[in-house]
Amino acid sequence: MSTFLRDKHIAYVQSLDKHHESFEYWLSEHLRLNGVYWGLTALCLMDAKEIFNKDEIVQFVMKCYCKSTGGFGPFPRHEAHIHATLSGIQVLATYDALDVLSTEQVEQTVQFIRGNQLSDGSFQGDRFGEVDTRFVYTSLSALSILGKLTPEVVDPAVEFIMRCYNFDGGFGLCPGAESHSAQCFVCLGALAIVGRLNELSEDQLEKTGWWLCERQVPEGGLNGRPSKLPDVCYSWWVLSSLAIIGRLEWIDYEKLREFILKSQDSKKGGISDRPDNEVDVFHTLFGIAGLSLMGFENLISIDPVYCMPYYVTKKFKKYPY
């Protein structure tokens, strides 16, 4: 299959909120706000943002705001989490609707994020204490979109990220952890957001580029780490990382494009992790985002640092302010 099924993908994303009676819908409450961000961003890249009702989406995002903590939960009445907080802020920014947050709410959100930074510079996702470089990225990205980064937050976070750099050129979820493609994105993305990619030497960047490009397997897809199966979502994690360090052309575009297109559902739309598997909105976004990074299918350009359209991110204030 070599045709991008744009109309079917738009219809698939549009259909996702019409299954309220299904068991799966309620089992995925914990990802709902993230799912709104994934679906909205996919529509933006396909120039179909108007498919979603802006007012309804913004109202849903605000229902996920947690007055007691200042963060956003993944669904109304759920506890706040760093990941959901970023998704909520990204959706509002995409709709140019950050002004629905009052000055007090913005300050509470900033305090929620900063309150999850630990003494070693890392971030936990919420009060339960899970630490992962993903949460460093989500925290710095959210603060960046709000224009609220400070050296007190940035400097120790950068030090923590650099401790997660490995001998093979990859990054782990914490110091000493195995290198993984997604961790490369969150670490490089975080450094790019705060203007600190220069913490990595040219030799280190070269090694990172080689580790990333070696994620492409013979069938064209990319994997997360050595000896693993390819997965469409790594079309984003690997390509965005290579784009951030200026080595995007190190991947065979045509083979990767074919792998992504073979993972489409030709009947109902959507993209799966690999050919013939069940589609979901997560892989649909990251497959489309990968195609956008490679310049295929006449898609809207995506910012490899923020995973949002460039026409949105160009409005963000750049740190240091």
C-alpha atoms as a PDB file:
ATOM      1  CA  MET A   1       0.000   0.000   0.000  1.00  0.00           C
ATOM      2  CA  SER A   2       1.614   3.269  -1.097  1.00  0.00           C
ATOM      3  CA  THR A   3      -1.275   5.736  -0.743  1.00  0.00           C
ATOM      4  CA  PHE A   4      -1.754   7.875   2.345  1.00  0.00           C
ATOM      5  CA  LEU A   5      -5.394   7.492   3.402  1.00  0.00           C
ATOM      6  CA  ARG A   6      -5.921  11.062   4.591  1.00  0.00           C
ATOM      7  CA  ASP A   7      -9.733  11.103   4.477  1.00  0.00           C
ATOM      8  CA  LYS A   8     -10.004   7.770   6.289  1.00  0.00           C
ATOM      9  CA  HIS A   9      -7.591   8.913   8.992  1.00  0.00           C
ATOM     10  CA  ILE A  10      -9.578  12.113   9.525  1.00  0.00           C
ATOM     11  CA  ALA A  11     -12.789  10.077   9.808  1.00  0.00           C
ATOM     12  CA  TYR A  12     -11.095   7.659  12.220  1.00  0.00           C
ATOM     13  CA  VAL A  13      -9.944  10.422  14.570  1.00  0.00           C
ATOM     14  CA  GLN A  14     -13.353  12.079  14.357  1.00  0.00           C
ATOM     15  CA  SER A  15     -15.036   8.819  15.396  1.00  0.00           C
ATOM     16  CA  LEU A  16     -13.003   8.264  18.552  1.00  0.00           C
ATOM     17  CA  ASP A  17     -15.337  10.087  20.943  1.00  0.00           C
ATOM     18  CA  LYS A  18     -18.445   8.265  19.708  1.00  0.00           C
ATOM     19  CA  HIS A  19     -17.943   5.008  21.587  1.00  0.00           C
ATOM     20  CA  HIS A  20     -19.102   5.980  25.086  1.00  0.00           C
ATOM     21  CA  GLU A  21     -20.895   2.659  25.540  1.00  0.00           C
ATOM     22  CA  SER A  22     -17.824   0.553  24.822  1.00  0.00           C
ATOM     23  CA  PHE A  23     -15.781  -1.173  27.515  1.00  0.00           C
ATOM     24  CA  GLU A  24     -12.558   0.099  25.933  1.00  0.00           C
ATOM     25  CA  TYR A  25     -13.697   3.725  26.157  1.00  0.00           C
ATOM     26  CA  TRP A  26     -13.974   3.616  29.929  1.00  0.00           C
ATOM     27  CA  LEU A  27     -10.838   1.516  30.363  1.00  0.00           C
ATOM     28  CA  SER A  28      -8.870   4.314  28.668  1.00  0.00           C
ATOM     29  CA  GLU A  29     -10.061   7.170  30.900  1.00  0.00           C
ATOM     30  CA  HIS A  30      -6.541   7.493  32.266  1.00  0.00           C
ATOM     31  CA  LEU A  31      -5.331   8.530  28.769  1.00  0.00           C
ATOM     32  CA  ARG A  32      -8.261  10.658  27.630  1.00  0.00           C
ATOM     33  CA  LEU A  33      -6.638  14.109  27.730  1.00  0.00           C
ATOM     34  CA  ASN A  34      -3.496  12.689  26.128  1.00  0.00           C
ATOM     35  CA  GLY A  35      -5.727  11.156  23.470  1.00  0.00           C
ATOM     36  CA  VAL A  36      -7.339  14.525  22.748  1.00  0.00           C
ATOM     37  CA  TYR A  37      -3.865  15.986  22.171  1.00  0.00           C
ATOM     38  CA  TRP A  38      -2.860  13.058  19.931  1.00  0.00           C
ATOM     39  CA  GLY A  39      -6.042  13.302  17.870  1.00  0.00           C
ATOM     40  CA  LEU A  40      -6.021  17.089  17.588  1.00  0.00           C
ATOM     41  CA  THR A  41      -2.367  17.181  16.554  1.00  0.00           C
ATOM     42  CA  ALA A  42      -2.958  14.487  13.923  1.00  0.00           C
ATOM     43  CA  LEU A  43      -5.842  16.542  12.513  1.00  0.00           C
ATOM     44  CA  CYS A  44      -3.678  19.686  12.510  1.00  0.00           C
ATOM     45  CA  LEU A  45      -0.990  17.907  10.479  1.00  0.00           C
ATOM     46  CA  MET A  46      -3.646  16.842   7.973  1.00  0.00           C
ATOM     47  CA  ASP A  47      -4.996  20.419   7.848  1.00  0.00           C
ATOM     48  CA  ALA A  48      -8.309  19.268   9.335  1.00  0.00           C
ATOM     49  CA  LYS A  49      -8.260  20.986  12.725  1.00  0.00           C
ATOM     50  CA  GLU A  50     -11.825  22.236  12.256  1.00  0.00           C
ATOM     51  CA  ILE A  51     -13.150  18.660  12.531  1.00  0.00           C
ATOM     52  CA  PHE A  52     -13.037  19.008  16.333  1.00  0.00           C
ATOM     53  CA  ASN A  53     -15.327  21.529  18.030  1.00  0.00           C
ATOM     54  CA  LYS A  54     -12.932  24.007  19.637  1.00  0.00           C
ATOM     55  CA  ASP A  55     -15.313  25.161  22.365  1.00  0.00           C
ATOM     56  CA  GLU A  56     -16.177  21.603  23.407  1.00  0.00           C
ATOM     57  CA  ILE A  57     -12.511  20.587  23.511  1.00  0.00           C
ATOM     58  CA  VAL A  58     -11.460  23.634  25.545  1.00  0.00           C
ATOM     59  CA  GLN A  59     -14.323  23.006  27.985  1.00  0.00           C
ATOM     60  CA  PHE A  60     -13.209  19.391  28.396  1.00  0.00           C
ATOM     61  CA  VAL A  61      -9.616  20.473  29.039  1.00  0.00           C
ATOM     62  CA  MET A  62     -10.741  22.879  31.736  1.00  0.00           C
ATOM     63  CA  LYS A  63     -12.867  20.165  33.363  1.00  0.00           C
ATOM     64  CA  CYS A  64      -9.609  18.227  33.756  1.00  0.00           C
ATOM     65  CA  TYR A  65      -7.998  21.102  35.683  1.00  0.00           C
ATOM     66  CA  CYS A  66      -7.436  20.157  39.317  1.00  0.00           C
ATOM     67  CA  LYS A  67      -8.215  23.128  41.565  1.00  0.00           C
ATOM     68  CA  SER A  68      -6.600  21.456  44.569  1.00  0.00           C
ATOM     69  CA  THR A  69      -3.173  21.007  42.951  1.00  0.00           C
ATOM     70  CA  GLY A  70      -3.074  23.225  39.861  1.00  0.00           C
ATOM     71  CA  GLY A  71      -2.213  20.466  37.404  1.00  0.00           C
ATOM     72  CA  PHE A  72      -4.397  18.670  34.895  1.00  0.00           C
ATOM     73  CA  GLY A  73      -5.718  15.142  35.247  1.00  0.00           C
ATOM     74  CA  PRO A  74      -6.334  12.852  32.268  1.00  0.00           C
ATOM     75  CA  PHE A  75     -10.115  12.971  32.837  1.00  0.00           C
ATOM     76  CA  PRO A  76     -12.445  15.066  35.029  1.00  0.00           C
ATOM     77  CA  ARG A  77     -12.098  14.200  38.730  1.00  0.00           C
ATOM     78  CA  HIS A  78      -8.826  12.327  38.157  1.00  0.00           C
ATOM     79  CA  GLU A  79      -5.701  13.413  40.018  1.00  0.00           C
ATOM     80  CA  ALA A  80      -3.236  15.683  38.257  1.00  0.00           C
ATOM     81  CA  HIS A  81      -0.197  14.225  36.489  1.00  0.00           C
ATOM     82  CA  ILE A  82       2.714  15.902  34.717  1.00  0.00           C
ATOM     83  CA  HIS A  83       1.923  14.058  31.458  1.00  0.00           C
ATOM     84  CA  ALA A  84      -1.734  15.088  31.386  1.00  0.00           C
ATOM     85  CA  THR A  85      -0.751  18.621  32.388  1.00  0.00           C
ATOM     86  CA  LEU A  86       1.435  18.980  29.300  1.00  0.00           C
ATOM     87  CA  SER A  87      -1.310  17.584  27.062  1.00  0.00           C
ATOM     88  CA  GLY A  88      -3.833  20.047  28.462  1.00  0.00           C
ATOM     89  CA  ILE A  89      -1.485  22.974  27.906  1.00  0.00           C
ATOM     90  CA  GLN A  90      -0.623  21.753  24.383  1.00  0.00           C
ATOM     91  CA  VAL A  91      -4.296  21.528  23.419  1.00  0.00           C
ATOM     92  CA  LEU A  92      -5.004  25.034  24.737  1.00  0.00           C
ATOM     93  CA  ALA A  93      -1.934  26.403  22.936  1.00  0.00           C
ATOM     94  CA  THR A  94      -2.951  24.699  19.681  1.00  0.00           C
ATOM     95  CA  TYR A  95      -6.306  26.470  19.889  1.00  0.00           C
ATOM     96  CA  ASP A  96      -4.614  29.757  20.912  1.00  0.00           C
ATOM     97  CA  ALA A  97      -6.718  29.503  24.060  1.00  0.00           C
ATOM     98  CA  LEU A  98      -4.196  29.684  26.891  1.00  0.00           C
ATOM     99  CA  ASP A  99      -5.984  32.824  28.026  1.00  0.00           C
ATOM    100  CA  VAL A 100      -8.829  30.690  29.416  1.00  0.00           C
ATOM    101  CA  LEU A 101      -6.430  30.076  32.298  1.00  0.00           C
ATOM    102  CA  SER A 102      -6.533  32.883  34.833  1.00  0.00           C
ATOM    103  CA  THR A 103      -3.286  34.353  36.159  1.00  0.00           C
ATOM    104  CA  GLU A 104      -3.898  32.467  39.393  1.00  0.00           C
ATOM    105  CA  GLN A 105      -4.490  29.169  37.556  1.00  0.00           C
ATOM    106  CA  VAL A 106      -1.300  29.588  35.543  1.00  0.00           C
ATOM    107  CA  GLU A 107       0.650  30.224  38.736  1.00  0.00           C
ATOM    108  CA  GLN A 108      -0.915  27.165  40.388  1.00  0.00           C
ATOM    109  CA  THR A 109       0.014  25.039  37.364  1.00  0.00           C
ATOM    110  CA  VAL A 110       3.587  26.314  37.481  1.00  0.00           C
ATOM    111  CA  GLN A 111       3.758  25.485  41.180  1.00  0.00           C
ATOM    112  CA  PHE A 112       2.368  22.002  40.539  1.00  0.00           C
ATOM    113  CA  ILE A 113       5.073  21.343  37.953  1.00  0.00           C
ATOM    114  CA  ARG A 114       7.887  22.836  39.999  1.00  0.00           C
ATOM    115  CA  GLY A 115       6.661  20.989  43.072  1.00  0.00           C
ATOM    116  CA  ASN A 116       7.379  17.695  41.311  1.00  0.00           C
ATOM    117  CA  GLN A 117      11.046  18.486  40.717  1.00  0.00           C
ATOM    118  CA  LEU A 118      13.346  16.561  43.038  1.00  0.00           C
ATOM    119  CA  SER A 119      16.647  17.606  44.573  1.00  0.00           C
ATOM    120  CA  ASP A 120      18.718  15.844  41.877  1.00  0.00           C
ATOM    121  CA  GLY A 121      17.014  17.855  39.113  1.00  0.00           C
ATOM    122  CA  SER A 122      14.712  15.034  37.985  1.00  0.00           C
ATOM    123  CA  PHE A 123      10.916  15.215  37.990  1.00  0.00           C
ATOM    124  CA  GLN A 124       8.369  12.782  39.320  1.00  0.00           C
ATOM    125  CA  GLY A 125       5.120  12.412  37.397  1.00  0.00           C
ATOM    126  CA  ASP A 126       2.943  13.032  40.442  1.00  0.00           C
ATOM    127  CA  ARG A 127       2.945  12.578  44.207  1.00  0.00           C
ATOM    128  CA  PHE A 128       3.432   8.802  43.852  1.00  0.00           C
ATOM    129  CA  GLY A 129       7.062   9.338  42.956  1.00  0.00           C
ATOM    130  CA  GLU A 130       7.768   7.691  39.586  1.00  0.00           C
ATOM    131  CA  VAL A 131      10.904   9.305  38.093  1.00  0.00           C
ATOM    132  CA  ASP A 132      11.650   9.218  34.369  1.00  0.00           C
ATOM    133  CA  THR A 133      13.357  11.555  31.898  1.00  0.00           C
ATOM    134  CA  ARG A 134       9.938  11.728  30.172  1.00  0.00           C
ATOM    135  CA  PHE A 135       8.787  13.852  33.083  1.00  0.00           C
ATOM    136  CA  VAL A 136      11.762  16.195  32.739  1.00  0.00           C
ATOM    137  CA  TYR A 137      10.738  16.808  29.138  1.00  0.00           C
ATOM    138  CA  THR A 138       7.023  17.178  29.866  1.00  0.00           C
ATOM    139  CA  SER A 139       7.720  19.592  32.707  1.00  0.00           C
ATOM    140  CA  LEU A 140      10.147  21.784  30.786  1.00  0.00           C
ATOM    141  CA  SER A 141       7.907  21.731  27.703  1.00  0.00           C
ATOM    142  CA  ALA A 142       4.842  22.773  29.694  1.00  0.00           C
ATOM    143  CA  LEU A 143       6.721  25.568  31.469  1.00  0.00           C
ATOM    144  CA  SER A 144       8.171  26.685  28.139  1.00  0.00           C
ATOM    145  CA  ILE A 145       4.735  26.944  26.507  1.00  0.00           C
ATOM    146  CA  LEU A 146       3.579  29.011  29.480  1.00  0.00           C
ATOM    147  CA  GLY A 147       6.734  31.164  29.288  1.00  0.00           C
ATOM    148  CA  LYS A 148       7.653  30.247  32.872  1.00  0.00           C
ATOM    149  CA  LEU A 149      11.072  28.586  32.693  1.00  0.00           C
ATOM    150  CA  THR A 150      13.667  29.745  35.241  1.00  0.00           C
ATOM    151  CA  PRO A 151      17.337  28.880  35.873  1.00  0.00           C
ATOM    152  CA  GLU A 152      16.331  27.360  39.235  1.00  0.00           C
ATOM    153  CA  VAL A 153      14.354  24.715  37.345  1.00  0.00           C
ATOM    154  CA  VAL A 154      16.413  24.437  34.164  1.00  0.00           C
ATOM    155  CA  ASP A 155      19.973  24.097  35.470  1.00  0.00           C
ATOM    156  CA  PRO A 156      19.463  21.055  37.735  1.00  0.00           C
ATOM    157  CA  ALA A 157      17.189  19.456  35.130  1.00  0.00           C
ATOM    158  CA  VAL A 158      19.941  19.744  32.511  1.00  0.00           C
ATOM    159  CA  GLU A 159      22.451  18.225  34.925  1.00  0.00           C
ATOM    160  CA  PHE A 160      20.120  15.268  35.484  1.00  0.00           C
ATOM    161  CA  ILE A 161      19.620  14.757  31.736  1.00  0.00           C
ATOM    162  CA  MET A 162      23.346  14.717  31.125  1.00  0.00           C
ATOM    163  CA  ARG A 163      23.744  12.011  33.774  1.00  0.00           C
ATOM    164  CA  CYS A 164      21.366   9.889  31.673  1.00  0.00           C
ATOM    165  CA  TYR A 165      23.643   9.989  28.599  1.00  0.00           C
ATOM    166  CA  ASN A 166      25.140   6.564  27.885  1.00  0.00           C
ATOM    167  CA  PHE A 167      28.405   5.304  26.387  1.00  0.00           C
ATOM    168  CA  ASP A 168      26.582   4.136  23.234  1.00  0.00           C
ATOM    169  CA  GLY A 169      25.226   7.612  22.470  1.00  0.00           C
ATOM    170  CA  GLY A 170      21.689   6.967  23.693  1.00  0.00           C
ATOM    171  CA  PHE A 171      19.843   8.114  26.801  1.00  0.00           C
ATOM    172  CA  GLY A 172      18.085   6.139  29.523  1.00  0.00           C
ATOM    173  CA  LEU A 173      15.083   6.939  31.716  1.00  0.00           C
ATOM    174  CA  CYS A 174      17.435   7.561  34.652  1.00  0.00           C
ATOM    175  CA  PRO A 175      21.210   7.439  35.194  1.00  0.00           C
ATOM    176  CA  GLY A 176      22.548   3.975  34.348  1.00  0.00           C
ATOM    177  CA  ALA A 177      19.378   2.821  32.548  1.00  0.00           C
ATOM    178  CA  GLU A 178      19.420   1.220  29.101  1.00  0.00           C
ATOM    179  CA  SER A 179      19.350   3.513  26.066  1.00  0.00           C
ATOM    180  CA  HIS A 180      15.965   3.848  24.399  1.00  0.00           C
ATOM    181  CA  SER A 181      14.747   5.837  21.385  1.00  0.00           C
ATOM    182  CA  ALA A 182      11.943   7.562  23.275  1.00  0.00           C
ATOM    183  CA  GLN A 183      14.359   8.620  26.005  1.00  0.00           C
ATOM    184  CA  CYS A 184      16.632  10.090  23.320  1.00  0.00           C
ATOM    185  CA  PHE A 185      13.758  12.277  22.161  1.00  0.00           C
ATOM    186  CA  VAL A 186      12.761  13.503  25.612  1.00  0.00           C
ATOM    187  CA  CYS A 187      16.346  14.260  26.607  1.00  0.00           C
ATOM    188  CA  LEU A 188      17.335  15.955  23.352  1.00  0.00           C
ATOM    189  CA  GLY A 189      13.977  17.736  23.201  1.00  0.00           C
ATOM    190  CA  ALA A 190      14.364  19.031  26.738  1.00  0.00           C
ATOM    191  CA  LEU A 191      17.878  20.299  26.010  1.00  0.00           C
ATOM    192  CA  ALA A 192      16.620  21.995  22.837  1.00  0.00           C
ATOM    193  CA  ILE A 193      13.726  23.669  24.664  1.00  0.00           C
ATOM    194  CA  VAL A 194      16.095  25.303  27.143  1.00  0.00           C
ATOM    195  CA  GLY A 195      18.797  26.101  24.574  1.00  0.00           C
ATOM    196  CA  ARG A 196      21.354  23.687  26.012  1.00  0.00           C
ATOM    197  CA  LEU A 197      22.123  21.225  23.219  1.00  0.00           C
ATOM    198  CA  ASN A 198      25.670  22.550  23.431  1.00  0.00           C
ATOM    199  CA  GLU A 199      26.051  20.474  26.601  1.00  0.00           C
ATOM    200  CA  LEU A 200      26.725  17.620  24.162  1.00  0.00           C
ATOM    201  CA  SER A 201      30.013  17.703  22.258  1.00  0.00           C
ATOM    202  CA  GLU A 202      30.128  17.144  18.506  1.00  0.00           C
ATOM    203  CA  ASP A 203      31.558  13.665  19.107  1.00  0.00           C
ATOM    204  CA  GLN A 204      28.687  12.862  21.467  1.00  0.00           C
ATOM    205  CA  LEU A 205      26.122  14.100  18.948  1.00  0.00           C
ATOM    206  CA  GLU A 206      27.757  11.994  16.238  1.00  0.00           C
ATOM    207  CA  LYS A 207      27.558   8.905  18.443  1.00  0.00           C
ATOM    208  CA  THR A 208      23.902   9.672  19.244  1.00  0.00           C
ATOM    209  CA  GLY A 209      23.142  10.033  15.545  1.00  0.00           C
ATOM    210  CA  TRP A 210      24.686   6.657  14.752  1.00  0.00           C
ATOM    211  CA  TRP A 211      22.819   4.929  17.589  1.00  0.00           C
ATOM    212  CA  LEU A 212      19.559   6.399  16.338  1.00  0.00           C
ATOM    213  CA  CYS A 213      19.998   5.613  12.639  1.00  0.00           C
ATOM    214  CA  GLU A 214      20.872   2.008  13.535  1.00  0.00           C
ATOM    215  CA  ARG A 215      17.288   1.677  14.807  1.00  0.00           C
ATOM    216  CA  GLN A 216      16.114   1.175  11.211  1.00  0.00           C
ATOM    217  CA  VAL A 217      15.526  -2.524  10.500  1.00  0.00           C
ATOM    218  CA  PRO A 218      15.495  -4.305   7.094  1.00  0.00           C
ATOM    219  CA  GLU A 219      11.710  -3.980   6.652  1.00  0.00           C
ATOM    220  CA  GLY A 220      12.079  -0.199   6.881  1.00  0.00           C
ATOM    221  CA  GLY A 221      10.570   0.546  10.279  1.00  0.00           C
ATOM    222  CA  LEU A 222      12.406   1.770  13.354  1.00  0.00           C
ATOM    223  CA  ASN A 223      12.764   0.121  16.741  1.00  0.00           C
ATOM    224  CA  GLY A 224      13.269   1.461  20.248  1.00  0.00           C
ATOM    225  CA  ARG A 225      16.432  -0.443  21.048  1.00  0.00           C
ATOM    226  CA  PRO A 226      18.591  -3.199  19.528  1.00  0.00           C
ATOM    227  CA  SER A 227      17.004  -6.563  18.655  1.00  0.00           C
ATOM    228  CA  LYS A 228      13.410  -5.302  19.031  1.00  0.00           C
ATOM    229  CA  LEU A 229      10.596  -5.293  16.488  1.00  0.00           C
ATOM    230  CA  PRO A 230       9.931  -2.108  14.510  1.00  0.00           C
ATOM    231  CA  ASP A 231       7.048   0.065  15.690  1.00  0.00           C
ATOM    232  CA  VAL A 232       5.429   3.016  13.899  1.00  0.00           C
ATOM    233  CA  CYS A 233       5.673   5.257  16.973  1.00  0.00           C
ATOM    234  CA  TYR A 234       9.470   5.251  16.629  1.00  0.00           C
ATOM    235  CA  SER A 235       8.953   7.024  13.332  1.00  0.00           C
ATOM    236  CA  TRP A 236       8.533   9.985  15.685  1.00  0.00           C
ATOM    237  CA  TRP A 237      10.929   9.241  18.550  1.00  0.00           C
ATOM    238  CA  VAL A 238      13.876   8.471  16.273  1.00  0.00           C
ATOM    239  CA  LEU A 239      13.217  10.970  13.476  1.00  0.00           C
ATOM    240  CA  SER A 240      12.511  13.879  15.822  1.00  0.00           C
ATOM    241  CA  SER A 241      15.736  13.138  17.712  1.00  0.00           C
ATOM    242  CA  LEU A 242      17.724  13.077  14.476  1.00  0.00           C
ATOM    243  CA  ALA A 243      16.021  16.289  13.341  1.00  0.00           C
ATOM    244  CA  ILE A 244      16.925  18.030  16.599  1.00  0.00           C
ATOM    245  CA  ILE A 245      20.625  17.185  16.138  1.00  0.00           C
ATOM    246  CA  GLY A 246      20.625  17.901  12.396  1.00  0.00           C
ATOM    247  CA  ARG A 247      20.959  14.347  11.106  1.00  0.00           C
ATOM    248  CA  LEU A 248      17.467  13.559   9.837  1.00  0.00           C
ATOM    249  CA  GLU A 249      18.773  12.423   6.427  1.00  0.00           C
ATOM    250  CA  TRP A 250      20.571   9.472   8.036  1.00  0.00           C
ATOM    251  CA  ILE A 251      17.355   7.422   7.701  1.00  0.00           C
ATOM    252  CA  ASP A 252      16.108   5.746   4.509  1.00  0.00           C
ATOM    253  CA  TYR A 253      12.951   7.811   3.997  1.00  0.00           C
ATOM    254  CA  GLU A 254      11.346   5.660   1.312  1.00  0.00           C
ATOM    255  CA  LYS A 255      11.625   2.419   3.271  1.00  0.00           C
ATOM    256  CA  LEU A 256      10.252   4.035   6.431  1.00  0.00           C
ATOM    257  CA  ARG A 257       7.395   5.672   4.535  1.00  0.00           C
ATOM    258  CA  GLU A 258       6.404   2.321   3.066  1.00  0.00           C
ATOM    259  CA  PHE A 259       6.444   0.704   6.531  1.00  0.00           C
ATOM    260  CA  ILE A 260       4.165   3.424   7.922  1.00  0.00           C
ATOM    261  CA  LEU A 261       1.745   3.231   4.997  1.00  0.00           C
ATOM    262  CA  LYS A 262       1.558  -0.569   5.273  1.00  0.00           C
ATOM    263  CA  SER A 263       0.447  -0.070   8.884  1.00  0.00           C
ATOM    264  CA  GLN A 264      -2.680   1.863   7.844  1.00  0.00           C
ATOM    265  CA  ASP A 265      -6.151   0.325   8.145  1.00  0.00           C
ATOM    266  CA  SER A 266      -7.554   0.612   4.636  1.00  0.00           C
ATOM    267  CA  LYS A 267     -11.163   0.140   5.800  1.00  0.00           C
ATOM    268  CA  LYS A 268     -11.650   2.339   8.869  1.00  0.00           C
ATOM    269  CA  GLY A 269      -8.511   4.487   8.803  1.00  0.00           C
ATOM    270  CA  GLY A 270      -5.929   4.934  11.529  1.00  0.00           C
ATOM    271  CA  ILE A 271      -2.400   3.561  11.838  1.00  0.00           C
ATOM    272  CA  SER A 272      -1.200   0.654  13.980  1.00  0.00           C
ATOM    273  CA  ASP A 273       2.161  -0.139  15.536  1.00  0.00           C
ATOM    274  CA  ARG A 274       3.012  -2.455  12.636  1.00  0.00           C
ATOM    275  CA  PRO A 275       1.207  -3.939   9.617  1.00  0.00           C
ATOM    276  CA  ASP A 276      -1.979  -5.949  10.293  1.00  0.00           C
ATOM    277  CA  ASN A 277      -2.325  -4.905  13.939  1.00  0.00           C
ATOM    278  CA  GLU A 278      -5.177  -2.907  15.488  1.00  0.00           C
ATOM    279  CA  VAL A 279      -4.971   0.866  15.001  1.00  0.00           C
ATOM    280  CA  ASP A 280      -5.011   3.471  17.768  1.00  0.00           C
ATOM    281  CA  VAL A 281      -4.783   7.249  17.945  1.00  0.00           C
ATOM    282  CA  PHE A 282      -1.289   7.179  19.528  1.00  0.00           C
ATOM    283  CA  HIS A 283       0.292   5.387  16.564  1.00  0.00           C
ATOM    284  CA  THR A 284      -1.875   7.325  14.123  1.00  0.00           C
ATOM    285  CA  LEU A 285      -0.389  10.610  15.330  1.00  0.00           C
ATOM    286  CA  PHE A 286       3.200   9.428  15.442  1.00  0.00           C
ATOM    287  CA  GLY A 287       3.007   7.748  12.055  1.00  0.00           C
ATOM    288  CA  ILE A 288       1.642  10.950  10.530  1.00  0.00           C
ATOM    289  CA  ALA A 289       4.209  13.018  12.456  1.00  0.00           C
ATOM    290  CA  GLY A 290       6.998  10.872  11.029  1.00  0.00           C
ATOM    291  CA  LEU A 291       5.679  11.385   7.515  1.00  0.00           C
ATOM    292  CA  SER A 292       5.517  15.131   8.170  1.00  0.00           C
ATOM    293  CA  LEU A 293       9.136  15.226   9.347  1.00  0.00           C
ATOM    294  CA  MET A 294      10.212  13.472   6.156  1.00  0.00           C
ATOM    295  CA  GLY A 295       8.215  15.903   4.006  1.00  0.00           C
ATOM    296  CA  PHE A 296       5.758  13.356   2.605  1.00  0.00           C
ATOM    297  CA  GLU A 297       2.015  13.508   1.859  1.00  0.00           C
ATOM    298  CA  ASN A 298       1.809  17.328   1.773  1.00  0.00           C
ATOM    299  CA  LEU A 299       1.332  17.393   5.545  1.00  0.00           C
ATOM    300  CA  ILE A 300       1.587  20.480   7.754  1.00  0.00           C
ATOM    301  CA  SER A 301       5.136  20.901   9.107  1.00  0.00           C
ATOM    302  CA  ILE A 302       5.674  19.654  12.649  1.00  0.00           C
ATOM    303  CA  ASP A 303       8.154  21.016  15.188  1.00  0.00           C
ATOM    304  CA  PRO A 304      10.462  18.112  16.183  1.00  0.00           C
ATOM    305  CA  VAL A 305      11.076  19.662  19.604  1.00  0.00           C
ATOM    306  CA  TYR A 306       7.460  20.149  20.743  1.00  0.00           C
ATOM    307  CA  CYS A 307       5.541  17.634  18.576  1.00  0.00           C
ATOM    308  CA  MET A 308       3.169  20.412  17.608  1.00  0.00           C
ATOM    309  CA  PRO A 309       2.673  22.261  14.302  1.00  0.00           C
ATOM    310  CA  TYR A 310       5.274  24.936  13.614  1.00  0.00           C
ATOM    311  CA  TYR A 311       2.524  27.529  13.168  1.00  0.00           C
ATOM    312  CA  VAL A 312       1.713  27.025  16.862  1.00  0.00           C
ATOM    313  CA  THR A 313       5.212  26.750  18.344  1.00  0.00           C
ATOM    314  CA  LYS A 314       6.588  29.804  16.538  1.00  0.00           C
ATOM    315  CA  LYS A 315       4.572  31.896  19.020  1.00  0.00           C
ATOM    316  CA  PHE A 316       6.328  30.448  22.075  1.00  0.00           C
ATOM    317  CA  LYS A 317       8.864  32.578  23.909  1.00  0.00           C
ATOM    318  CA  LYS A 318      12.339  31.055  23.626  1.00  0.00           C
ATOM    319  CA  TYR A 319      14.391  30.460  26.766  1.00  0.00           C
ATOM    320  CA  PRO A 320      16.524  32.124  28.034  1.00  0.00           C
ATOM    321  CA  TYR A 321      14.078  35.005  27.857  1.00  0.00           C
END
